[in-house]
């Protein structure tokens, strides 16, 4: 199972191993038990501007977008 980062406003950050379907649900802080939100970081864009014909607008599973020529779709 994947590991996700969460941030408690009182205690700081921690990691949780959980199913993908539960990744966006708040997690209980292991120190205080309070709810903690998942930390999300946007990946940097690689390459230049994309056109509408390269598949950039196609949403894959879990809301991922694929660019034309990506290795996972070829």
PDB file of N, CA and C in Angstrom:
ATOM      1  N   UNK A   1       0.840  -1.182   0.000  1.00  0.00           N
ATOM      2  CA  UNK A   1       0.000   0.000   0.000  1.00  0.00           C
ATOM      3  C   UNK A   1       0.890   1.251   0.000  1.00  0.00           C
ATOM      4  N   UNK A   2       0.405   2.329  -0.595  1.00  0.00           N
ATOM      5  CA  UNK A   2       1.189   3.556  -0.658  1.00  0.00           C
ATOM      6  C   UNK A   2       1.254   4.274   0.692  1.00  0.00           C
ATOM      7  N   UNK A   3       2.265   5.115   0.826  1.00  0.00           N
ATOM      8  CA  UNK A   3       2.460   5.936   2.020  1.00  0.00           C
ATOM      9  C   UNK A   3       2.097   7.375   1.656  1.00  0.00           C
ATOM     10  N   UNK A   4       1.277   8.021   2.492  1.00  0.00           N
ATOM     11  CA  UNK A   4       0.857   9.401   2.258  1.00  0.00           C
ATOM     12  C   UNK A   4       1.295  10.275   3.421  1.00  0.00           C
ATOM     13  N   UNK A   5       1.574  11.545   3.131  1.00  0.00           N
ATOM     14  CA  UNK A   5       1.956  12.524   4.143  1.00  0.00           C
ATOM     15  C   UNK A   5       0.726  13.297   4.608  1.00  0.00           C
ATOM     16  N   UNK A   6       0.643  13.493   5.910  1.00  0.00           N
ATOM     17  CA  UNK A   6      -0.443  14.269   6.520  1.00  0.00           C
ATOM     18  C   UNK A   6       0.174  15.310   7.436  1.00  0.00           C
ATOM     19  N   UNK A   7      -0.568  16.391   7.711  1.00  0.00           N
ATOM     20  CA  UNK A   7      -0.057  17.467   8.536  1.00  0.00           C
ATOM     21  C   UNK A   7      -1.078  17.842   9.603  1.00  0.00           C
ATOM     22  N   UNK A   8      -0.698  17.648  10.875  1.00  0.00           N
ATOM     23  CA  UNK A   8      -1.527  18.051  12.008  1.00  0.00           C
ATOM     24  C   UNK A   8      -1.175  19.501  12.336  1.00  0.00           C
ATOM     25  N   UNK A   9      -2.174  20.356  12.499  1.00  0.00           N
ATOM     26  CA  UNK A   9      -1.905  21.770  12.779  1.00  0.00           C
ATOM     27  C   UNK A   9      -1.219  21.959  14.125  1.00  0.00           C
ATOM     28  N   UNK A  10      -1.404  21.038  15.060  1.00  0.00           N
ATOM     29  CA  UNK A  10      -0.788  21.162  16.382  1.00  0.00           C
ATOM     30  C   UNK A  10       0.546  20.430  16.495  1.00  0.00           C
ATOM     31  N   UNK A  11       0.676  19.265  15.877  1.00  0.00           N
ATOM     32  CA  UNK A  11       1.842  18.399  16.096  1.00  0.00           C
ATOM     33  C   UNK A  11       2.825  18.347  14.928  1.00  0.00           C
ATOM     34  N   UNK A  12       2.402  18.713  13.730  1.00  0.00           N
ATOM     35  CA  UNK A  12       3.280  18.651  12.569  1.00  0.00           C
ATOM     36  C   UNK A  12       2.966  17.486  11.653  1.00  0.00           C
ATOM     37  N   UNK A  13       3.936  17.156  10.819  1.00  0.00           N
ATOM     38  CA  UNK A  13       3.720  16.145   9.789  1.00  0.00           C
ATOM     39  C   UNK A  13       3.983  14.726  10.248  1.00  0.00           C
ATOM     40  N   UNK A  14       3.326  13.781   9.557  1.00  0.00           N
ATOM     41  CA  UNK A  14       3.517  12.355   9.794  1.00  0.00           C
ATOM     42  C   UNK A  14       3.085  11.589   8.551  1.00  0.00           C
ATOM     43  N   UNK A  15       3.455  10.323   8.459  1.00  0.00           N
ATOM     44  CA  UNK A  15       3.119   9.472   7.319  1.00  0.00           C
ATOM     45  C   UNK A  15       2.135   8.387   7.732  1.00  0.00           C
ATOM     46  N   UNK A  16       1.288   7.998   6.763  1.00  0.00           N
ATOM     47  CA  UNK A  16       0.309   6.938   6.999  1.00  0.00           C
ATOM     48  C   UNK A  16       0.295   6.003   5.792  1.00  0.00           C
ATOM     49  N   UNK A  17       0.300   4.712   6.043  1.00  0.00           N
ATOM     50  CA  UNK A  17       0.143   3.714   4.991  1.00  0.00           C
ATOM     51  C   UNK A  17      -1.346   3.403   4.908  1.00  0.00           C
ATOM     52  N   UNK A  18      -1.922   3.654   3.716  1.00  0.00           N
ATOM     53  CA  UNK A  18      -3.359   3.390   3.551  1.00  0.00           C
ATOM     54  C   UNK A  18      -3.701   3.155   2.101  1.00  0.00           C
ATOM     55  N   UNK A  19      -4.922   2.680   1.877  1.00  0.00           N
ATOM     56  CA  UNK A  19      -5.384   2.394   0.522  1.00  0.00           C
ATOM     57  C   UNK A  19      -5.564   3.678  -0.271  1.00  0.00           C
ATOM     58  N   UNK A  20      -5.433   3.566  -1.583  1.00  0.00           N
ATOM     59  CA  UNK A  20      -5.587   4.725  -2.461  1.00  0.00           C
ATOM     60  C   UNK A  20      -6.965   5.350  -2.290  1.00  0.00           C
ATOM     61  N   UNK A  21      -7.995   4.546  -2.123  1.00  0.00           N
ATOM     62  CA  UNK A  21      -9.363   5.055  -1.984  1.00  0.00           C
ATOM     63  C   UNK A  21      -9.521   5.924  -0.741  1.00  0.00           C
ATOM     64  N   UNK A  22      -8.645   5.772   0.248  1.00  0.00           N
ATOM     65  CA  UNK A  22      -8.736   6.529   1.504  1.00  0.00           C
ATOM     66  C   UNK A  22      -7.750   7.692   1.568  1.00  0.00           C
ATOM     67  N   UNK A  23      -6.984   7.908   0.514  1.00  0.00           N
ATOM     68  CA  UNK A  23      -5.876   8.863   0.567  1.00  0.00           C
ATOM     69  C   UNK A  23      -6.299  10.290   0.901  1.00  0.00           C
ATOM     70  N   UNK A  24      -7.469  10.737   0.447  1.00  0.00           N
ATOM     71  CA  UNK A  24      -7.893  12.115   0.685  1.00  0.00           C
ATOM     72  C   UNK A  24      -8.688  12.291   1.974  1.00  0.00           C
ATOM     73  N   UNK A  25      -9.030  11.193   2.637  1.00  0.00           N
ATOM     74  CA  UNK A  25      -9.746  11.279   3.912  1.00  0.00           C
ATOM     75  C   UNK A  25      -8.794  11.770   4.994  1.00  0.00           C
ATOM     76  N   UNK A  26      -9.257  12.615   5.904  1.00  0.00           N
ATOM     77  CA  UNK A  26      -8.387  13.037   7.009  1.00  0.00           C
ATOM     78  C   UNK A  26      -7.936  11.823   7.818  1.00  0.00           C
ATOM     79  N   UNK A  27      -6.752  11.927   8.389  1.00  0.00           N
ATOM     80  CA  UNK A  27      -6.208  10.850   9.205  1.00  0.00           C
ATOM     81  C   UNK A  27      -6.051  11.347  10.635  1.00  0.00           C
ATOM     82  N   UNK A  28      -6.185  10.460  11.593  1.00  0.00           N
ATOM     83  CA  UNK A  28      -6.000  10.834  12.998  1.00  0.00           C
ATOM     84  C   UNK A  28      -4.513  10.985  13.291  1.00  0.00           C
ATOM     85  N   UNK A  29      -4.148  12.083  13.914  1.00  0.00           N
ATOM     86  CA  UNK A  29      -2.761  12.327  14.295  1.00  0.00           C
ATOM     87  C   UNK A  29      -2.350  11.282  15.336  1.00  0.00           C
ATOM     88  N   UNK A  30      -1.166  10.651  15.164  1.00  0.00           N
ATOM     89  CA  UNK A  30      -0.743   9.624  16.112  1.00  0.00           C
ATOM     90  C   UNK A  30      -0.378  10.183  17.496  1.00  0.00           C
ATOM     91  N   UNK A  31      -0.136  11.499  17.593  1.00  0.00           N
ATOM     92  CA  UNK A  31       0.234  12.096  18.878  1.00  0.00           C
ATOM     93  C   UNK A  31      -0.964  12.625  19.656  1.00  0.00           C
ATOM     94  N   UNK A  32      -1.809  13.426  18.979  1.00  0.00           N
ATOM     95  CA  UNK A  32      -2.924  14.053  19.699  1.00  0.00           C
ATOM     96  C   UNK A  32      -4.289  13.467  19.344  1.00  0.00           C
ATOM     97  N   UNK A  33      -4.362  12.688  18.243  1.00  0.00           N
ATOM     98  CA  UNK A  33      -5.628  12.088  17.835  1.00  0.00           C
ATOM     99  C   UNK A  33      -6.521  13.006  17.028  1.00  0.00           C
ATOM    100  N   UNK A  34      -6.100  14.246  16.828  1.00  0.00           N
ATOM    101  CA  UNK A  34      -6.896  15.199  16.063  1.00  0.00           C
ATOM    102  C   UNK A  34      -6.855  14.905  14.571  1.00  0.00           C
ATOM    103  N   UNK A  35      -7.812  15.447  13.811  1.00  0.00           N
ATOM    104  CA  UNK A  35      -7.833  15.207  12.365  1.00  0.00           C
ATOM    105  C   UNK A  35      -6.699  15.961  11.671  1.00  0.00           C
ATOM    106  N   UNK A  36      -6.079  15.304  10.703  1.00  0.00           N
ATOM    107  CA  UNK A  36      -5.000  15.919   9.942  1.00  0.00           C
ATOM    108  C   UNK A  36      -5.293  15.773   8.456  1.00  0.00           C
ATOM    109  N   UNK A  37      -5.050  16.837   7.718  1.00  0.00           N
ATOM    110  CA  UNK A  37      -5.298  16.845   6.274  1.00  0.00           C
ATOM    111  C   UNK A  37      -4.094  16.283   5.528  1.00  0.00           C
ATOM    112  N   UNK A  38      -4.364  15.680   4.383  1.00  0.00           N
ATOM    113  CA  UNK A  38      -3.293  15.137   3.540  1.00  0.00           C
ATOM    114  C   UNK A  38      -2.499  16.281   2.925  1.00  0.00           C
ATOM    115  N   UNK A  39      -1.202  16.127   2.865  1.00  0.00           N
ATOM    116  CA  UNK A  39      -0.323  17.102   2.232  1.00  0.00           C
ATOM    117  C   UNK A  39      -0.252  16.761   0.753  1.00  0.00           C
ATOM    118  N   UNK A  40      -0.587  17.725  -0.100  1.00  0.00           N
ATOM    119  CA  UNK A  40      -0.501  17.515  -1.540  1.00  0.00           C
ATOM    120  C   UNK A  40       0.476  18.518  -2.126  1.00  0.00           C
ATOM    121  N   UNK A  41       1.302  18.036  -3.019  1.00  0.00           N
ATOM    122  CA  UNK A  41       2.300  18.873  -3.672  1.00  0.00           C
ATOM    123  C   UNK A  41       2.108  18.727  -5.165  1.00  0.00           C
ATOM    124  N   UNK A  42       2.003  19.852  -5.850  1.00  0.00           N
ATOM    125  CA  UNK A  42       1.828  19.816  -7.301  1.00  0.00           C
ATOM    126  C   UNK A  42       3.164  19.510  -7.963  1.00  0.00           C
ATOM    127  N   UNK A  43       3.148  18.612  -8.908  1.00  0.00           N
ATOM    128  CA  UNK A  43       4.358  18.283  -9.655  1.00  0.00           C
ATOM    129  C   UNK A  43       4.671  19.400 -10.643  1.00  0.00           C
ATOM    130  N   UNK A  44       5.944  19.681 -10.842  1.00  0.00           N
ATOM    131  CA  UNK A  44       6.298  20.736 -11.799  1.00  0.00           C
ATOM    132  C   UNK A  44       5.968  20.315 -13.221  1.00  0.00           C
ATOM    133  N   UNK A  45       5.668  21.279 -14.048  1.00  0.00           N
ATOM    134  CA  UNK A  45       5.379  21.019 -15.447  1.00  0.00           C
ATOM    135  C   UNK A  45       6.696  20.819 -16.186  1.00  0.00           C
ATOM    136  N   UNK A  46       6.742  19.822 -17.045  1.00  0.00           N
ATOM    137  CA  UNK A  46       7.941  19.547 -17.821  1.00  0.00           C
ATOM    138  C   UNK A  46       7.641  19.828 -19.273  1.00  0.00           C
ATOM    139  N   UNK A  47       8.487  20.593 -19.922  1.00  0.00           N
ATOM    140  CA  UNK A  47       8.293  20.888 -21.335  1.00  0.00           C
ATOM    141  C   UNK A  47       7.581  22.220 -21.523  1.00  0.00           C
ATOM    142  N   UNK A  48       7.254  22.498 -22.752  1.00  0.00           N
ATOM    143  CA  UNK A  48       6.623  23.768 -23.088  1.00  0.00           C
ATOM    144  C   UNK A  48       5.118  23.689 -23.060  1.00  0.00           C
ATOM    145  N   UNK A  49       4.497  24.653 -23.696  1.00  0.00           N
ATOM    146  CA  UNK A  49       3.040  24.718 -23.762  1.00  0.00           C
ATOM    147  C   UNK A  49       2.511  23.539 -24.568  1.00  0.00           C
ATOM    148  N   UNK A  50       1.338  23.094 -24.206  1.00  0.00           N
ATOM    149  CA  UNK A  50       0.762  21.948 -24.910  1.00  0.00           C
ATOM    150  C   UNK A  50      -0.413  22.391 -25.749  1.00  0.00           C
ATOM    151  N   UNK A  51      -0.629  21.673 -26.825  1.00  0.00           N
ATOM    152  CA  UNK A  51      -1.778  21.960 -27.668  1.00  0.00           C
ATOM    153  C   UNK A  51      -2.917  21.043 -27.282  1.00  0.00           C
ATOM    154  N   UNK A  52      -4.105  21.348 -27.783  1.00  0.00           N
ATOM    155  CA  UNK A  52      -5.270  20.538 -27.430  1.00  0.00           C
ATOM    156  C   UNK A  52      -5.237  19.160 -28.072  1.00  0.00           C
ATOM    157  N   UNK A  53      -4.380  18.956 -29.073  1.00  0.00           N
ATOM    158  CA  UNK A  53      -4.340  17.670 -29.751  1.00  0.00           C
ATOM    159  C   UNK A  53      -3.396  16.675 -29.094  1.00  0.00           C
ATOM    160  N   UNK A  54      -2.651  17.076 -28.020  1.00  0.00           N
ATOM    161  CA  UNK A  54      -1.675  16.158 -27.445  1.00  0.00           C
ATOM    162  C   UNK A  54      -2.223  15.327 -26.300  1.00  0.00           C
ATOM    163  N   UNK A  55      -3.507  15.446 -25.993  1.00  0.00           N
ATOM    164  CA  UNK A  55      -4.100  14.615 -24.957  1.00  0.00           C
ATOM    165  C   UNK A  55      -3.980  15.190 -23.563  1.00  0.00           C
ATOM    166  N   UNK A  56      -3.504  16.422 -23.409  1.00  0.00           N
ATOM    167  CA  UNK A  56      -3.309  17.008 -22.085  1.00  0.00           C
ATOM    168  C   UNK A  56      -4.621  17.135 -21.325  1.00  0.00           C
ATOM    169  N   UNK A  57      -5.727  17.250 -22.021  1.00  0.00           N
ATOM    170  CA  UNK A  57      -7.001  17.397 -21.345  1.00  0.00           C
ATOM    171  C   UNK A  57      -7.657  16.081 -20.982  1.00  0.00           C
ATOM    172  N   UNK A  58      -7.077  14.966 -21.404  1.00  0.00           N
ATOM    173  CA  UNK A  58      -7.656  13.658 -21.112  1.00  0.00           C
ATOM    174  C   UNK A  58      -7.369  13.274 -19.671  1.00  0.00           C
ATOM    175  N   UNK A  59      -8.400  13.069 -18.883  1.00  0.00           N
ATOM    176  CA  UNK A  59      -8.210  12.680 -17.482  1.00  0.00           C
ATOM    177  C   UNK A  59      -8.209  11.170 -17.379  1.00  0.00           C
ATOM    178  N   UNK A  60      -7.168  10.631 -16.781  1.00  0.00           N
ATOM    179  CA  UNK A  60      -7.081   9.194 -16.565  1.00  0.00           C
ATOM    180  C   UNK A  60      -7.704   8.844 -15.226  1.00  0.00           C
ATOM    181  N   UNK A  61      -7.379   7.661 -14.730  1.00  0.00           N
ATOM    182  CA  UNK A  61      -7.903   7.240 -13.442  1.00  0.00           C
ATOM    183  C   UNK A  61      -7.328   8.100 -12.334  1.00  0.00           C
ATOM    184  N   UNK A  62      -8.060   8.289 -11.290  1.00  0.00           N
ATOM    185  CA  UNK A  62      -7.673   9.096 -10.128  1.00  0.00           C
ATOM    186  C   UNK A  62      -7.387  10.548 -10.494  1.00  0.00           C
ATOM    187  N   UNK A  63      -7.963  11.048 -11.585  1.00  0.00           N
ATOM    188  CA  UNK A  63      -7.833  12.446 -11.953  1.00  0.00           C
ATOM    189  C   UNK A  63      -6.494  12.833 -12.536  1.00  0.00           C
ATOM    190  N   UNK A  64      -5.701  11.864 -12.948  1.00  0.00           N
ATOM    191  CA  UNK A  64      -4.395  12.167 -13.529  1.00  0.00           C
ATOM    192  C   UNK A  64      -4.565  12.570 -14.981  1.00  0.00           C
ATOM    193  N   UNK A  65      -3.805  13.569 -15.410  1.00  0.00           N
ATOM    194  CA  UNK A  65      -3.840  13.980 -16.804  1.00  0.00           C
ATOM    195  C   UNK A  65      -2.598  13.472 -17.510  1.00  0.00           C
ATOM    196  N   UNK A  66      -2.748  13.046 -18.743  1.00  0.00           N
ATOM    197  CA  UNK A  66      -1.644  12.507 -19.512  1.00  0.00           C
ATOM    198  C   UNK A  66      -1.343  13.425 -20.672  1.00  0.00           C
ATOM    199  N   UNK A  67      -0.082  13.596 -20.939  1.00  0.00           N
ATOM    200  CA  UNK A  67       0.346  14.399 -22.076  1.00  0.00           C
ATOM    201  C   UNK A  67       0.635  13.463 -23.246  1.00  0.00           C
ATOM    202  N   UNK A  68       0.513  13.977 -24.450  1.00  0.00           N
ATOM    203  CA  UNK A  68       0.801  13.166 -25.621  1.00  0.00           C
ATOM    204  C   UNK A  68       2.205  12.602 -25.571  1.00  0.00           C
ATOM    205  N   UNK A  69       2.352  11.337 -25.866  1.00  0.00           N
ATOM    206  CA  UNK A  69       3.659  10.709 -25.879  1.00  0.00           C
ATOM    207  C   UNK A  69       4.131  10.214 -24.537  1.00  0.00           C
ATOM    208  N   UNK A  70       3.278  10.258 -23.506  1.00  0.00           N
ATOM    209  CA  UNK A  70       3.713   9.743 -22.210  1.00  0.00           C
ATOM    210  C   UNK A  70       3.894   8.232 -22.310  1.00  0.00           C
ATOM    211  N   UNK A  71       4.820   7.693 -21.558  1.00  0.00           N
ATOM    212  CA  UNK A  71       5.152   6.284 -21.652  1.00  0.00           C
ATOM    213  C   UNK A  71       4.077   5.369 -21.081  1.00  0.00           C
ATOM    214  N   UNK A  72       3.246   5.873 -20.154  1.00  0.00           N
ATOM    215  CA  UNK A  72       2.232   4.996 -19.562  1.00  0.00           C
ATOM    216  C   UNK A  72       1.056   4.750 -20.496  1.00  0.00           C
ATOM    217  N   UNK A  73       0.874   5.584 -21.508  1.00  0.00           N
ATOM    218  CA  UNK A  73      -0.252   5.435 -22.418  1.00  0.00           C
ATOM    219  C   UNK A  73       0.132   4.822 -23.760  1.00  0.00           C
ATOM    220  N   UNK A  74       1.415   4.676 -24.011  1.00  0.00           N
ATOM    221  CA  UNK A  74       1.876   4.183 -25.314  1.00  0.00           C
ATOM    222  C   UNK A  74       2.006   2.683 -25.323  1.00  0.00           C
TER     223      UNK A  74
END
